[in-house]
Amino acid sequence: MRDLLNKFLPIIGIIAMAFIMSGGMFLIIMGPSAGTIAKSSTAETILEFLSSFFLIILGGIGFVLLEGAMRKTFDISGAKMRFLLAASLSIISLILLEALIWIKFN
């Protein structure tokens, strides 16, 4: 039971963190607006919420994989591949989030 909790607790934490950071509470309180990307800092569309939500989850998965790759192991080549995959997921999500912010405010 404890192993199952230790396996799913980081996943639940990442989903809750991504929901809050991507503006899920804002959409619940203010109501979603339709459209593509709002050029305003006081409005958020469903497209912006979903894209930022999945990009934050992608970065979180990268950090969880990075933590797993940094553990001691006897399979050095497998650990290197997991490290490269985790680092690339985190960097790609960061770059795409920056691009989303640039599109919204320019």
PDB file of N, CA and C in Angstrom:
ATOM      1  N   MET A   1       0.824  -1.200   0.000  1.00  0.00           N
ATOM      2  CA  MET A   1       0.000   0.000   0.000  1.00  0.00           C
ATOM      3  C   MET A   1       0.863   1.257   0.000  1.00  0.00           C
ATOM      4  N   ARG A   2       1.920   1.223   0.794  1.00  0.00           N
ATOM      5  CA  ARG A   2       2.801   2.383   0.875  1.00  0.00           C
ATOM      6  C   ARG A   2       3.537   2.603  -0.445  1.00  0.00           C
ATOM      7  N   ASP A   3       3.934   1.521  -1.117  1.00  0.00           N
ATOM      8  CA  ASP A   3       4.596   1.652  -2.411  1.00  0.00           C
ATOM      9  C   ASP A   3       3.667   2.247  -3.449  1.00  0.00           C
ATOM     10  N   LEU A   4       2.400   1.844  -3.410  1.00  0.00           N
ATOM     11  CA  LEU A   4       1.427   2.386  -4.344  1.00  0.00           C
ATOM     12  C   LEU A   4       1.220   3.875  -4.107  1.00  0.00           C
ATOM     13  N   LEU A   5       1.170   4.280  -2.838  1.00  0.00           N
ATOM     14  CA  LEU A   5       1.018   5.696  -2.504  1.00  0.00           C
ATOM     15  C   LEU A   5       2.241   6.487  -2.939  1.00  0.00           C
ATOM     16  N   ASN A   6       3.439   5.923  -2.725  1.00  0.00           N
ATOM     17  CA  ASN A   6       4.662   6.618  -3.135  1.00  0.00           C
ATOM     18  C   ASN A   6       4.787   6.719  -4.648  1.00  0.00           C
ATOM     19  N   LYS A   7       4.123   5.850  -5.376  1.00  0.00           N
ATOM     20  CA  LYS A   7       4.176   5.895  -6.834  1.00  0.00           C
ATOM     21  C   LYS A   7       3.210   6.940  -7.397  1.00  0.00           C
ATOM     22  N   PHE A   8       2.014   7.058  -6.803  1.00  0.00           N
ATOM     23  CA  PHE A   8       0.992   7.938  -7.363  1.00  0.00           C
ATOM     24  C   PHE A   8       0.962   9.336  -6.745  1.00  0.00           C
ATOM     25  N   LEU A   9       1.579   9.530  -5.599  1.00  0.00           N
ATOM     26  CA  LEU A   9       1.575  10.845  -4.968  1.00  0.00           C
ATOM     27  C   LEU A   9       2.291  11.904  -5.802  1.00  0.00           C
ATOM     28  N   PRO A  10       3.456  11.628  -6.404  1.00  0.00           N
ATOM     29  CA  PRO A  10       4.062  12.648  -7.275  1.00  0.00           C
ATOM     30  C   PRO A  10       3.215  12.967  -8.501  1.00  0.00           C
ATOM     31  N   ILE A  11       2.519  11.973  -9.036  1.00  0.00           N
ATOM     32  CA  ILE A  11       1.672  12.204 -10.208  1.00  0.00           C
ATOM     33  C   ILE A  11       0.507  13.120  -9.846  1.00  0.00           C
ATOM     34  N   ILE A  12      -0.128  12.857  -8.720  1.00  0.00           N
ATOM     35  CA  ILE A  12      -1.235  13.704  -8.263  1.00  0.00           C
ATOM     36  C   ILE A  12      -0.735  15.116  -7.974  1.00  0.00           C
ATOM     37  N   GLY A  13       0.454  15.229  -7.385  1.00  0.00           N
ATOM     38  CA  GLY A  13       1.030  16.546  -7.104  1.00  0.00           C
ATOM     39  C   GLY A  13       1.331  17.327  -8.369  1.00  0.00           C
ATOM     40  N   ILE A  14       1.856  16.648  -9.387  1.00  0.00           N
ATOM     41  CA  ILE A  14       2.169  17.325 -10.651  1.00  0.00           C
ATOM     42  C   ILE A  14       0.891  17.801 -11.329  1.00  0.00           C
ATOM     43  N   ILE A  15      -0.152  16.973 -11.319  1.00  0.00           N
ATOM     44  CA  ILE A  15      -1.411  17.366 -11.953  1.00  0.00           C
ATOM     45  C   ILE A  15      -2.040  18.543 -11.223  1.00  0.00           C
ATOM     46  N   ALA A  16      -2.048  18.521  -9.884  1.00  0.00           N
ATOM     47  CA  ALA A  16      -2.613  19.636  -9.117  1.00  0.00           C
ATOM     48  C   ALA A  16      -1.805  20.916  -9.326  1.00  0.00           C
ATOM     49  N   MET A  17      -0.482  20.805  -9.330  1.00  0.00           N
ATOM     50  CA  MET A  17       0.365  21.971  -9.543  1.00  0.00           C
ATOM     51  C   MET A  17       0.169  22.546 -10.941  1.00  0.00           C
ATOM     52  N   ALA A  18       0.066  21.670 -11.936  1.00  0.00           N
ATOM     53  CA  ALA A  18      -0.131  22.137 -13.307  1.00  0.00           C
ATOM     54  C   ALA A  18      -1.491  22.802 -13.468  1.00  0.00           C
ATOM     55  N   PHE A  19      -2.520  22.268 -12.821  1.00  0.00           N
ATOM     56  CA  PHE A  19      -3.850  22.866 -12.903  1.00  0.00           C
ATOM     57  C   PHE A  19      -3.859  24.263 -12.307  1.00  0.00           C
ATOM     58  N   ILE A  20      -3.232  24.428 -11.163  1.00  0.00           N
ATOM     59  CA  ILE A  20      -3.220  25.744 -10.510  1.00  0.00           C
ATOM     60  C   ILE A  20      -2.342  26.728 -11.277  1.00  0.00           C
ATOM     61  N   MET A  21      -1.153  26.285 -11.713  1.00  0.00           N
ATOM     62  CA  MET A  21      -0.234  27.200 -12.393  1.00  0.00           C
ATOM     63  C   MET A  21      -0.695  27.588 -13.795  1.00  0.00           C
ATOM     64  N   SER A  22      -1.481  26.733 -14.438  1.00  0.00           N
ATOM     65  CA  SER A  22      -1.914  27.061 -15.794  1.00  0.00           C
ATOM     66  C   SER A  22      -3.189  27.900 -15.817  1.00  0.00           C
ATOM     67  N   GLY A  23      -3.754  28.191 -14.681  1.00  0.00           N
ATOM     68  CA  GLY A  23      -4.910  29.075 -14.628  1.00  0.00           C
ATOM     69  C   GLY A  23      -6.233  28.353 -14.533  1.00  0.00           C
ATOM     70  N   GLY A  24      -6.247  27.156 -14.031  1.00  0.00           N
ATOM     71  CA  GLY A  24      -7.491  26.400 -13.900  1.00  0.00           C
ATOM     72  C   GLY A  24      -8.470  27.046 -12.931  1.00  0.00           C
ATOM     73  N   MET A  25      -7.965  27.579 -11.829  1.00  0.00           N
ATOM     74  CA  MET A  25      -8.845  28.248 -10.863  1.00  0.00           C
ATOM     75  C   MET A  25      -9.423  29.528 -11.461  1.00  0.00           C
ATOM     76  N   PHE A  26      -8.636  30.232 -12.263  1.00  0.00           N
ATOM     77  CA  PHE A  26      -9.129  31.431 -12.930  1.00  0.00           C
ATOM     78  C   PHE A  26     -10.277  31.093 -13.862  1.00  0.00           C
ATOM     79  N   LEU A  27     -10.141  29.990 -14.610  1.00  0.00           N
ATOM     80  CA  LEU A  27     -11.206  29.590 -15.526  1.00  0.00           C
ATOM     81  C   LEU A  27     -12.456  29.158 -14.780  1.00  0.00           C
ATOM     82  N   ILE A  28     -12.295  28.509 -13.641  1.00  0.00           N
ATOM     83  CA  ILE A  28     -13.463  28.094 -12.855  1.00  0.00           C
ATOM     84  C   ILE A  28     -14.195  29.310 -12.306  1.00  0.00           C
ATOM     85  N   ILE A  29     -13.466  30.269 -11.795  1.00  0.00           N
ATOM     86  CA  ILE A  29     -14.093  31.443 -11.173  1.00  0.00           C
ATOM     87  C   ILE A  29     -14.637  32.410 -12.221  1.00  0.00           C
ATOM     88  N   MET A  30     -13.846  32.736 -13.231  1.00  0.00           N
ATOM     89  CA  MET A  30     -14.242  33.763 -14.192  1.00  0.00           C
ATOM     90  C   MET A  30     -15.030  33.212 -15.376  1.00  0.00           C
ATOM     91  N   GLY A  31     -14.974  31.932 -15.602  1.00  0.00           N
ATOM     92  CA  GLY A  31     -15.652  31.351 -16.753  1.00  0.00           C
ATOM     93  C   GLY A  31     -14.766  31.393 -17.968  1.00  0.00           C
ATOM     94  N   PRO A  32     -14.745  30.318 -18.740  1.00  0.00           N
ATOM     95  CA  PRO A  32     -13.859  30.285 -19.901  1.00  0.00           C
ATOM     96  C   PRO A  32     -14.372  31.163 -21.031  1.00  0.00           C
ATOM     97  N   SER A  33     -13.437  31.727 -21.746  1.00  0.00           N
ATOM     98  CA  SER A  33     -13.791  32.496 -22.933  1.00  0.00           C
ATOM     99  C   SER A  33     -13.318  31.725 -24.158  1.00  0.00           C
ATOM    100  N   ALA A  34     -14.091  31.809 -25.202  1.00  0.00           N
ATOM    101  CA  ALA A  34     -13.757  31.073 -26.422  1.00  0.00           C
ATOM    102  C   ALA A  34     -12.760  31.876 -27.240  1.00  0.00           C
ATOM    103  N   GLY A  35     -12.161  31.241 -28.180  1.00  0.00           N
ATOM    104  CA  GLY A  35     -11.220  31.925 -29.062  1.00  0.00           C
ATOM    105  C   GLY A  35      -9.875  31.259 -29.025  1.00  0.00           C
ATOM    106  N   THR A  36      -8.937  31.874 -29.704  1.00  0.00           N
ATOM    107  CA  THR A  36      -7.609  31.287 -29.777  1.00  0.00           C
ATOM    108  C   THR A  36      -6.739  31.810 -28.651  1.00  0.00           C
ATOM    109  N   ILE A  37      -6.075  32.934 -28.846  1.00  0.00           N
ATOM    110  CA  ILE A  37      -5.216  33.501 -27.812  1.00  0.00           C
ATOM    111  C   ILE A  37      -5.638  34.940 -27.586  1.00  0.00           C
ATOM    112  N   ALA A  38      -5.994  35.253 -26.341  1.00  0.00           N
ATOM    113  CA  ALA A  38      -6.411  36.612 -26.001  1.00  0.00           C
ATOM    114  C   ALA A  38      -5.170  37.478 -25.801  1.00  0.00           C
ATOM    115  N   LYS A  39      -5.146  38.624 -26.424  1.00  0.00           N
ATOM    116  CA  LYS A  39      -4.016  39.548 -26.300  1.00  0.00           C
ATOM    117  C   LYS A  39      -4.196  40.455 -25.084  1.00  0.00           C
ATOM    118  N   SER A  40      -4.568  39.882 -23.959  1.00  0.00           N
ATOM    119  CA  SER A  40      -4.827  40.645 -22.750  1.00  0.00           C
ATOM    120  C   SER A  40      -4.288  39.867 -21.560  1.00  0.00           C
ATOM    121  N   SER A  41      -3.857  40.595 -20.554  1.00  0.00           N
ATOM    122  CA  SER A  41      -3.378  39.926 -19.345  1.00  0.00           C
ATOM    123  C   SER A  41      -4.510  39.619 -18.378  1.00  0.00           C
ATOM    124  N   THR A  42      -5.720  40.062 -18.679  1.00  0.00           N
ATOM    125  CA  THR A  42      -6.857  39.806 -17.786  1.00  0.00           C
ATOM    126  C   THR A  42      -7.814  38.767 -18.346  1.00  0.00           C
ATOM    127  N   ALA A  43      -7.474  38.124 -19.433  1.00  0.00           N
ATOM    128  CA  ALA A  43      -8.345  37.113 -20.034  1.00  0.00           C
ATOM    129  C   ALA A  43      -7.521  35.882 -20.379  1.00  0.00           C
ATOM    130  N   GLU A  44      -8.188  34.737 -20.280  1.00  0.00           N
ATOM    131  CA  GLU A  44      -7.536  33.485 -20.639  1.00  0.00           C
ATOM    132  C   GLU A  44      -8.537  32.613 -21.373  1.00  0.00           C
ATOM    133  N   THR A  45      -8.103  32.023 -22.451  1.00  0.00           N
ATOM    134  CA  THR A  45      -8.984  31.152 -23.210  1.00  0.00           C
ATOM    135  C   THR A  45      -8.708  29.699 -22.836  1.00  0.00           C
ATOM    136  N   ILE A  46      -9.595  28.831 -23.284  1.00  0.00           N
ATOM    137  CA  ILE A  46      -9.425  27.408 -22.999  1.00  0.00           C
ATOM    138  C   ILE A  46      -8.188  26.872 -23.714  1.00  0.00           C
ATOM    139  N   LEU A  47      -7.905  27.374 -24.912  1.00  0.00           N
ATOM    140  CA  LEU A  47      -6.713  26.946 -25.644  1.00  0.00           C
ATOM    141  C   LEU A  47      -5.440  27.277 -24.874  1.00  0.00           C
ATOM    142  N   GLU A  48      -5.371  28.467 -24.304  1.00  0.00           N
ATOM    143  CA  GLU A  48      -4.205  28.840 -23.507  1.00  0.00           C
ATOM    144  C   GLU A  48      -4.085  27.962 -22.271  1.00  0.00           C
ATOM    145  N   PHE A  49      -5.218  27.680 -21.617  1.00  0.00           N
ATOM    146  CA  PHE A  49      -5.193  26.830 -20.431  1.00  0.00           C
ATOM    147  C   PHE A  49      -4.697  25.434 -20.774  1.00  0.00           C
ATOM    148  N   LEU A  50      -5.254  24.837 -21.817  1.00  0.00           N
ATOM    149  CA  LEU A  50      -4.876  23.462 -22.165  1.00  0.00           C
ATOM    150  C   LEU A  50      -3.418  23.369 -22.607  1.00  0.00           C
ATOM    151  N   SER A  51      -2.970  24.329 -23.394  1.00  0.00           N
ATOM    152  CA  SER A  51      -1.580  24.269 -23.856  1.00  0.00           C
ATOM    153  C   SER A  51      -0.609  24.457 -22.695  1.00  0.00           C
ATOM    154  N   SER A  52      -0.869  25.416 -21.824  1.00  0.00           N
ATOM    155  CA  SER A  52       0.030  25.603 -20.684  1.00  0.00           C
ATOM    156  C   SER A  52      -0.062  24.435 -19.707  1.00  0.00           C
ATOM    157  N   PHE A  53      -1.257  23.857 -19.529  1.00  0.00           N
ATOM    158  CA  PHE A  53      -1.437  22.707 -18.646  1.00  0.00           C
ATOM    159  C   PHE A  53      -0.588  21.525 -19.116  1.00  0.00           C
ATOM    160  N   PHE A  54      -0.683  21.192 -20.405  1.00  0.00           N
ATOM    161  CA  PHE A  54       0.065  20.049 -20.902  1.00  0.00           C
ATOM    162  C   PHE A  54       1.571  20.319 -20.976  1.00  0.00           C
ATOM    163  N   LEU A  55       1.967  21.548 -21.227  1.00  0.00           N
ATOM    164  CA  LEU A  55       3.394  21.854 -21.227  1.00  0.00           C
ATOM    165  C   LEU A  55       3.978  21.794 -19.825  1.00  0.00           C
ATOM    166  N   ILE A  56       3.224  22.231 -18.826  1.00  0.00           N
ATOM    167  CA  ILE A  56       3.699  22.140 -17.444  1.00  0.00           C
ATOM    168  C   ILE A  56       3.780  20.677 -17.012  1.00  0.00           C
ATOM    169  N   ILE A  57       2.799  19.870 -17.419  1.00  0.00           N
ATOM    170  CA  ILE A  57       2.850  18.441 -17.106  1.00  0.00           C
ATOM    171  C   ILE A  57       4.049  17.793 -17.807  1.00  0.00           C
ATOM    172  N   LEU A  58       4.325  18.182 -19.028  1.00  0.00           N
ATOM    173  CA  LEU A  58       5.480  17.652 -19.749  1.00  0.00           C
ATOM    174  C   LEU A  58       6.780  17.972 -19.007  1.00  0.00           C
ATOM    175  N   GLY A  59       6.908  19.194 -18.533  1.00  0.00           N
ATOM    176  CA  GLY A  59       8.095  19.563 -17.754  1.00  0.00           C
ATOM    177  C   GLY A  59       8.162  18.828 -16.434  1.00  0.00           C
ATOM    178  N   GLY A  60       7.020  18.629 -15.779  1.00  0.00           N
ATOM    179  CA  GLY A  60       7.000  17.877 -14.530  1.00  0.00           C
ATOM    180  C   GLY A  60       7.399  16.431 -14.723  1.00  0.00           C
ATOM    181  N   ILE A  61       6.935  15.821 -15.801  1.00  0.00           N
ATOM    182  CA  ILE A  61       7.335  14.445 -16.116  1.00  0.00           C
ATOM    183  C   ILE A  61       8.843  14.394 -16.365  1.00  0.00           C
ATOM    184  N   GLY A  62       9.359  15.410 -17.013  1.00  0.00           N
ATOM    185  CA  GLY A  62      10.802  15.472 -17.237  1.00  0.00           C
ATOM    186  C   GLY A  62      11.575  15.523 -15.931  1.00  0.00           C
ATOM    187  N   PHE A  63      11.084  16.301 -14.966  1.00  0.00           N
ATOM    188  CA  PHE A  63      11.781  16.374 -13.684  1.00  0.00           C
ATOM    189  C   PHE A  63      11.653  15.087 -12.878  1.00  0.00           C
ATOM    190  N   VAL A  64      10.502  14.414 -12.961  1.00  0.00           N
ATOM    191  CA  VAL A  64      10.354  13.122 -12.277  1.00  0.00           C
ATOM    192  C   VAL A  64      11.293  12.090 -12.896  1.00  0.00           C
ATOM    193  N   LEU A  65      11.375  12.070 -14.227  1.00  0.00           N
ATOM    194  CA  LEU A  65      12.314  11.161 -14.888  1.00  0.00           C
ATOM    195  C   LEU A  65      13.762  11.519 -14.569  1.00  0.00           C
ATOM    196  N   LEU A  66      14.042  12.795 -14.420  1.00  0.00           N
ATOM    197  CA  LEU A  66      15.390  13.233 -14.075  1.00  0.00           C
ATOM    198  C   LEU A  66      15.776  12.746 -12.687  1.00  0.00           C
ATOM    199  N   GLU A  67      14.836  12.792 -11.766  1.00  0.00           N
ATOM    200  CA  GLU A  67      15.095  12.292 -10.416  1.00  0.00           C
ATOM    201  C   GLU A  67      15.367  10.792 -10.449  1.00  0.00           C
ATOM    202  N   GLY A  68      14.632  10.059 -11.273  1.00  0.00           N
ATOM    203  CA  GLY A  68      14.857   8.627 -11.395  1.00  0.00           C
ATOM    204  C   GLY A  68      16.172   8.295 -12.074  1.00  0.00           C
ATOM    205  N   ALA A  69      16.613   9.132 -12.990  1.00  0.00           N
ATOM    206  CA  ALA A  69      17.867   8.885 -13.693  1.00  0.00           C
ATOM    207  C   ALA A  69      19.077   9.179 -12.818  1.00  0.00           C
ATOM    208  N   MET A  70      18.903  10.000 -11.795  1.00  0.00           N
ATOM    209  CA  MET A  70      20.032  10.371 -10.945  1.00  0.00           C
ATOM    210  C   MET A  70      20.287   9.373  -9.815  1.00  0.00           C
ATOM    211  N   ARG A  71      19.446   8.360  -9.684  1.00  0.00           N
ATOM    212  CA  ARG A  71      19.665   7.337  -8.656  1.00  0.00           C
ATOM    213  C   ARG A  71      20.839   6.455  -9.054  1.00  0.00           C
ATOM    214  N   LYS A  72      21.422   5.807  -8.057  1.00  0.00           N
ATOM    215  CA  LYS A  72      22.542   4.902  -8.339  1.00  0.00           C
ATOM    216  C   LYS A  72      22.040   3.698  -9.116  1.00  0.00           C
ATOM    217  N   THR A  73      22.763   3.370 -10.153  1.00  0.00           N
ATOM    218  CA  THR A  73      22.396   2.233 -10.981  1.00  0.00           C
ATOM    219  C   THR A  73      23.660   1.606 -11.563  1.00  0.00           C
ATOM    220  N   PHE A  74      23.530   0.352 -11.957  1.00  0.00           N
ATOM    221  CA  PHE A  74      24.650  -0.325 -12.597  1.00  0.00           C
ATOM    222  C   PHE A  74      24.567  -0.224 -14.109  1.00  0.00           C
ATOM    223  N   ASP A  75      23.443   0.271 -14.620  1.00  0.00           N
ATOM    224  CA  ASP A  75      23.250   0.435 -16.063  1.00  0.00           C
ATOM    225  C   ASP A  75      23.532   1.891 -16.433  1.00  0.00           C
ATOM    226  N   ILE A  76      24.782   2.184 -16.709  1.00  0.00           N
ATOM    227  CA  ILE A  76      25.195   3.564 -16.964  1.00  0.00           C
ATOM    228  C   ILE A  76      24.615   4.088 -18.270  1.00  0.00           C
ATOM    229  N   SER A  77      24.598   3.269 -19.325  1.00  0.00           N
ATOM    230  CA  SER A  77      24.088   3.752 -20.612  1.00  0.00           C
ATOM    231  C   SER A  77      22.581   4.015 -20.530  1.00  0.00           C
ATOM    232  N   GLY A  78      21.839   3.187 -19.807  1.00  0.00           N
ATOM    233  CA  GLY A  78      20.406   3.424 -19.626  1.00  0.00           C
ATOM    234  C   GLY A  78      20.148   4.679 -18.816  1.00  0.00           C
ATOM    235  N   ALA A  79      20.973   4.916 -17.792  1.00  0.00           N
ATOM    236  CA  ALA A  79      20.828   6.123 -16.977  1.00  0.00           C
ATOM    237  C   ALA A  79      21.128   7.367 -17.801  1.00  0.00           C
ATOM    238  N   LYS A  80      22.117   7.284 -18.700  1.00  0.00           N
ATOM    239  CA  LYS A  80      22.426   8.429 -19.561  1.00  0.00           C
ATOM    240  C   LYS A  80      21.270   8.736 -20.503  1.00  0.00           C
ATOM    241  N   MET A  81      20.653   7.694 -21.049  1.00  0.00           N
ATOM    242  CA  MET A  81      19.516   7.896 -21.954  1.00  0.00           C
ATOM    243  C   MET A  81      18.317   8.488 -21.206  1.00  0.00           C
ATOM    244  N   ARG A  82      18.048   7.991 -19.998  1.00  0.00           N
ATOM    245  CA  ARG A  82      16.950   8.559 -19.202  1.00  0.00           C
ATOM    246  C   ARG A  82      17.237  10.009 -18.843  1.00  0.00           C
ATOM    247  N   PHE A  83      18.494  10.311 -18.535  1.00  0.00           N
ATOM    248  CA  PHE A  83      18.868  11.677 -18.220  1.00  0.00           C
ATOM    249  C   PHE A  83      18.668  12.593 -19.416  1.00  0.00           C
ATOM    250  N   LEU A  84      19.105  12.161 -20.604  1.00  0.00           N
ATOM    251  CA  LEU A  84      18.933  12.976 -21.810  1.00  0.00           C
ATOM    252  C   LEU A  84      17.460  13.167 -22.157  1.00  0.00           C
ATOM    253  N   LEU A  85      16.653  12.110 -22.012  1.00  0.00           N
ATOM    254  CA  LEU A  85      15.219  12.225 -22.266  1.00  0.00           C
ATOM    255  C   LEU A  85      14.566  13.191 -21.293  1.00  0.00           C
ATOM    256  N   ALA A  86      14.910  13.069 -20.009  1.00  0.00           N
ATOM    257  CA  ALA A  86      14.319  13.941 -18.992  1.00  0.00           C
ATOM    258  C   ALA A  86      14.732  15.393 -19.196  1.00  0.00           C
ATOM    259  N   ALA A  87      15.992  15.618 -19.480  1.00  0.00           N
ATOM    260  CA  ALA A  87      16.461  16.988 -19.691  1.00  0.00           C
ATOM    261  C   ALA A  87      15.838  17.587 -20.936  1.00  0.00           C
ATOM    262  N   SER A  88      15.710  16.799 -21.997  1.00  0.00           N
ATOM    263  CA  SER A  88      15.112  17.339 -23.220  1.00  0.00           C
ATOM    264  C   SER A  88      13.626  17.631 -23.034  1.00  0.00           C
ATOM    265  N   LEU A  89      12.896  16.789 -22.289  1.00  0.00           N
ATOM    266  CA  LEU A  89      11.481  17.087 -22.013  1.00  0.00           C
ATOM    267  C   LEU A  89      11.338  18.390 -21.245  1.00  0.00           C
ATOM    268  N   SER A  90      12.166  18.579 -20.233  1.00  0.00           N
ATOM    269  CA  SER A  90      12.084  19.800 -19.432  1.00  0.00           C
ATOM    270  C   SER A  90      12.440  21.031 -20.250  1.00  0.00           C
ATOM    271  N   ILE A  91      13.484  20.949 -21.054  1.00  0.00           N
ATOM    272  CA  ILE A  91      13.915  22.104 -21.850  1.00  0.00           C
ATOM    273  C   ILE A  91      12.900  22.423 -22.939  1.00  0.00           C
ATOM    274  N   ILE A  92      12.354  21.409 -23.589  1.00  0.00           N
ATOM    275  CA  ILE A  92      11.351  21.640 -24.639  1.00  0.00           C
ATOM    276  C   ILE A  92      10.107  22.287 -24.059  1.00  0.00           C
ATOM    277  N   SER A  93       9.664  21.821 -22.897  1.00  0.00           N
ATOM    278  CA  SER A  93       8.469  22.435 -22.302  1.00  0.00           C
ATOM    279  C   SER A  93       8.745  23.878 -21.894  1.00  0.00           C
ATOM    280  N   LEU A  94       9.933  24.160 -21.390  1.00  0.00           N
ATOM    281  CA  LEU A  94      10.271  25.533 -21.018  1.00  0.00           C
ATOM    282  C   LEU A  94      10.307  26.442 -22.236  1.00  0.00           C
ATOM    283  N   ILE A  95      10.898  25.987 -23.325  1.00  0.00           N
ATOM    284  CA  ILE A  95      10.967  26.790 -24.547  1.00  0.00           C
ATOM    285  C   ILE A  95       9.573  27.044 -25.113  1.00  0.00           C
ATOM    286  N   LEU A  96       8.719  26.021 -25.130  1.00  0.00           N
ATOM    287  CA  LEU A  96       7.366  26.202 -25.655  1.00  0.00           C
ATOM    288  C   LEU A  96       6.513  27.091 -24.751  1.00  0.00           C
ATOM    289  N   LEU A  97       6.709  27.021 -23.441  1.00  0.00           N
ATOM    290  CA  LEU A  97       5.991  27.949 -22.549  1.00  0.00           C
ATOM    291  C   LEU A  97       6.434  29.384 -22.780  1.00  0.00           C
ATOM    292  N   GLU A  98       7.727  29.594 -22.983  1.00  0.00           N
ATOM    293  CA  GLU A  98       8.215  30.942 -23.296  1.00  0.00           C
ATOM    294  C   GLU A  98       7.629  31.434 -24.609  1.00  0.00           C
ATOM    295  N   ALA A  99       7.527  30.553 -25.596  1.00  0.00           N
ATOM    296  CA  ALA A  99       6.936  30.939 -26.879  1.00  0.00           C
ATOM    297  C   ALA A  99       5.457  31.293 -26.720  1.00  0.00           C
ATOM    298  N   LEU A 100       4.751  30.553 -25.882  1.00  0.00           N
ATOM    299  CA  LEU A 100       3.338  30.846 -25.631  1.00  0.00           C
ATOM    300  C   LEU A 100       3.171  32.212 -24.963  1.00  0.00           C
ATOM    301  N   ILE A 101       4.031  32.513 -24.030  1.00  0.00           N
ATOM    302  CA  ILE A 101       3.983  33.843 -23.381  1.00  0.00           C
ATOM    303  C   ILE A 101       4.318  34.934 -24.398  1.00  0.00           C
ATOM    304  N   TRP A 102       5.302  34.698 -25.257  1.00  0.00           N
ATOM    305  CA  TRP A 102       5.678  35.695 -26.248  1.00  0.00           C
ATOM    306  C   TRP A 102       4.539  35.932 -27.233  1.00  0.00           C
ATOM    307  N   ILE A 103       3.853  34.871 -27.654  1.00  0.00           N
ATOM    308  CA  ILE A 103       2.716  35.020 -28.577  1.00  0.00           C
ATOM    309  C   ILE A 103       1.591  35.788 -27.911  1.00  0.00           C
ATOM    310  N   LYS A 104       1.339  35.523 -26.648  1.00  0.00           N
ATOM    311  CA  LYS A 104       0.225  36.181 -25.961  1.00  0.00           C
ATOM    312  C   LYS A 104       0.460  37.685 -25.796  1.00  0.00           C
ATOM    313  N   PHE A 105       1.645  38.097 -25.481  1.00  0.00           N
ATOM    314  CA  PHE A 105       1.888  39.496 -25.148  1.00  0.00           C
ATOM    315  C   PHE A 105       2.567  40.307 -26.256  1.00  0.00           C
ATOM    316  N   ASN A 106       2.747  39.748 -27.431  1.00  0.00           N
ATOM    317  CA  ASN A 106       3.314  40.520 -28.544  1.00  0.00           C
ATOM    318  C   ASN A 106       2.402  40.530 -29.724  1.00  0.00           C
TER     319      ASN A 106
END
